[in-house]
C-alpha atoms as a PDB file:
ATOM      1  CA  UNK A   1       1.177 -82.572  23.118  1.00  0.00           C
ATOM      2  CA  UNK A   2       3.671 -85.804  21.740  1.00  0.00           C
ATOM      3  CA  UNK A   3       7.444 -85.766  22.334  1.00  0.00           C
ATOM      4  CA  UNK A   4       8.343 -87.809  19.523  1.00  0.00           C
ATOM      5  CA  UNK A   5       8.470 -88.154  16.211  1.00  0.00           C
ATOM      6  CA  UNK A   6       7.080 -91.857  16.343  1.00  0.00           C
ATOM      7  CA  UNK A   7       4.030 -90.342  18.236  1.00  0.00           C
ATOM      8  CA  UNK A   8       3.631 -87.752  16.217  1.00  0.00           C
ATOM      9  CA  UNK A   9       3.435 -89.791  13.293  1.00  0.00           C
ATOM     10  CA  UNK A  10       1.204 -91.786  14.705  1.00  0.00           C
ATOM     11  CA  UNK A  11      -1.378 -89.286  15.637  1.00  0.00           C
ATOM     12  CA  UNK A  12      -1.649 -88.496  11.446  1.00  0.00           C
ATOM     13  CA  UNK A  13      -2.268 -92.052  11.248  1.00  0.00           C
ATOM     14  CA  UNK A  14      -5.264 -92.153  13.720  1.00  0.00           C
ATOM     15  CA  UNK A  15      -6.641 -89.148  12.427  1.00  0.00           C
ATOM     16  CA  UNK A  16      -6.224 -90.638   8.774  1.00  0.00           C
ATOM     17  CA  UNK A  17      -7.929 -94.316  10.002  1.00  0.00           C
ATOM     18  CA  UNK A  18     -10.569 -92.244  11.775  1.00  0.00           C
ATOM     19  CA  UNK A  19     -11.905 -90.310   8.389  1.00  0.00           C
ATOM     20  CA  UNK A  20     -11.640 -93.231   6.495  1.00  0.00           C
ATOM     21  CA  UNK A  21     -13.458 -95.786   8.936  1.00  0.00           C
ATOM     22  CA  UNK A  22     -15.717 -92.928   9.523  1.00  0.00           C
ATOM     23  CA  UNK A  23     -16.484 -92.636   5.577  1.00  0.00           C
ATOM     24  CA  UNK A  24     -16.949 -96.184   4.846  1.00  0.00           C
ATOM     25  CA  UNK A  25     -19.539 -96.610   8.150  1.00  0.00           C
ATOM     26  CA  UNK A  26     -21.104 -93.737   6.995  1.00  0.00           C
ATOM     27  CA  UNK A  27     -21.558 -96.009   3.441  1.00  0.00           C
ATOM     28  CA  UNK A  28     -23.011 -98.676   4.924  1.00  0.00           C
ATOM     29  CA  UNK A  29     -25.234 -96.899   6.207  1.00  0.00           C
ATOM     30  CA  UNK A  30     -26.819 -95.469   3.045  1.00  0.00           C
ATOM     31  CA  UNK A  31     -26.629 -98.250   0.733  1.00  0.00           C
ATOM     32  CA  UNK A  32     -28.862-100.228   3.990  1.00  0.00           C
ATOM     33  CA  UNK A  33     -31.495 -97.721   4.145  1.00  0.00           C
ATOM     34  CA  UNK A  34     -31.637 -97.346   0.373  1.00  0.00           C
ATOM     35  CA  UNK A  35     -31.591-101.661   0.335  1.00  0.00           C
ATOM     36  CA  UNK A  36     -34.026-101.422   3.008  1.00  0.00           C
ATOM     37  CA  UNK A  37     -35.788 -98.430   0.774  1.00  0.00           C
ATOM     38  CA  UNK A  38     -36.520-100.811  -2.282  1.00  0.00           C
ATOM     39  CA  UNK A  39     -38.025-103.233  -0.058  1.00  0.00           C
ATOM     40  CA  UNK A  40     -40.226-101.847   0.637  1.00  0.00           C
ATOM     41  CA  UNK A  41     -41.170-100.169  -2.408  1.00  0.00           C
ATOM     42  CA  UNK A  42     -41.492-103.787  -3.900  1.00  0.00           C
ATOM     43  CA  UNK A  43     -38.624-102.578  -6.687  1.00  0.00           C
ATOM     44  CA  UNK A  44     -37.094-106.606  -6.801  1.00  0.00           C
ATOM     45  CA  UNK A  45     -34.252-104.706 -10.092  1.00  0.00           C
ATOM     46  CA  UNK A  46     -33.130-102.713  -7.613  1.00  0.00           C
ATOM     47  CA  UNK A  47     -33.390-103.778  -4.501  1.00  0.00           C
ATOM     48  CA  UNK A  48     -31.085-106.856  -6.178  1.00  0.00           C
ATOM     49  CA  UNK A  49     -28.424-104.296  -6.873  1.00  0.00           C
ATOM     50  CA  UNK A  50     -28.979-102.780  -4.093  1.00  0.00           C
ATOM     51  CA  UNK A  51     -28.182-105.887  -2.153  1.00  0.00           C
ATOM     52  CA  UNK A  52     -25.600-106.405  -4.034  1.00  0.00           C
ATOM     53  CA  UNK A  53     -23.391-103.159  -3.816  1.00  0.00           C
ATOM     54  CA  UNK A  54     -24.292-103.661   0.546  1.00  0.00           C
ATOM     55  CA  UNK A  55     -23.345-107.082   0.509  1.00  0.00           C
ATOM     56  CA  UNK A  56     -19.804-105.828  -1.572  1.00  0.00           C
ATOM     57  CA  UNK A  57     -18.880-103.297   0.577  1.00  0.00           C
ATOM     58  CA  UNK A  58     -19.743-105.189   3.790  1.00  0.00           C
ATOM     59  CA  UNK A  59     -17.585-107.944   2.643  1.00  0.00           C
ATOM     60  CA  UNK A  60     -14.539-105.140   2.567  1.00  0.00           C
ATOM     61  CA  UNK A  61     -15.233-103.641   5.736  1.00  0.00           C
ATOM     62  CA  UNK A  62     -15.093-107.125   6.933  1.00  0.00           C
ATOM     63  CA  UNK A  63     -11.969-107.782   5.240  1.00  0.00           C
ATOM     64  CA  UNK A  64     -10.376-104.387   7.104  1.00  0.00           C
ATOM     65  CA  UNK A  65     -11.871-105.320  10.755  1.00  0.00           C
ATOM     66  CA  UNK A  66     -14.244-102.453  10.830  1.00  0.00           C
ATOM     67  CA  UNK A  67     -17.081-104.462  11.227  1.00  0.00           C
ATOM     68  CA  UNK A  68     -17.458-108.127  12.868  1.00  0.00           C
ATOM     69  CA  UNK A  69     -17.296-110.518  10.569  1.00  0.00           C
ATOM     70  CA  UNK A  70     -20.904-112.141  12.826  1.00  0.00           C
ATOM     71  CA  UNK A  71     -22.385-108.708  11.765  1.00  0.00           C
ATOM     72  CA  UNK A  72     -21.694-108.788   8.043  1.00  0.00           C
ATOM     73  CA  UNK A  73     -22.696-112.322   8.119  1.00  0.00           C
ATOM     74  CA  UNK A  74     -26.015-111.552   9.971  1.00  0.00           C
ATOM     75  CA  UNK A  75     -26.233-108.183   7.525  1.00  0.00           C
ATOM     76  CA  UNK A  76     -25.641-110.504   5.244  1.00  0.00           C
ATOM     77  CA  UNK A  77     -28.589-113.348   5.772  1.00  0.00           C
ATOM     78  CA  UNK A  78     -31.240-111.117   6.304  1.00  0.00           C
ATOM     79  CA  UNK A  79     -31.110-109.644   2.650  1.00  0.00           C
ATOM     80  CA  UNK A  80     -31.361-112.661   0.823  1.00  0.00           C
ATOM     81  CA  UNK A  81     -33.954-113.394   3.269  1.00  0.00           C
ATOM     82  CA  UNK A  82     -35.815-109.927   2.423  1.00  0.00           C
ATOM     83  CA  UNK A  83     -34.915-110.564  -0.832  1.00  0.00           C
ATOM     84  CA  UNK A  84     -36.429-114.291  -1.304  1.00  0.00           C
ATOM     85  CA  UNK A  85     -39.823-112.462   0.322  1.00  0.00           C
ATOM     86  CA  UNK A  86     -39.826-110.268  -2.579  1.00  0.00           C
END
């Protein structure tokens, strides 16, 4: 167990950040699945809206260094390629 006040505070901060990061990661996976399912169903309007929300969430996650910027760029590129193929 932690002995100092700062160590106790770091434990609290780490737990809060862990829960926040986990929820954002889960949200990204959900948005990605929603986008891919709308592409598979060939629904261009739904795919466009899903891509916008996915790209926005990816950019926000990249800004807070939760997801690497190269991964975000790769996902955004693949989203636009899939949208163009519809």
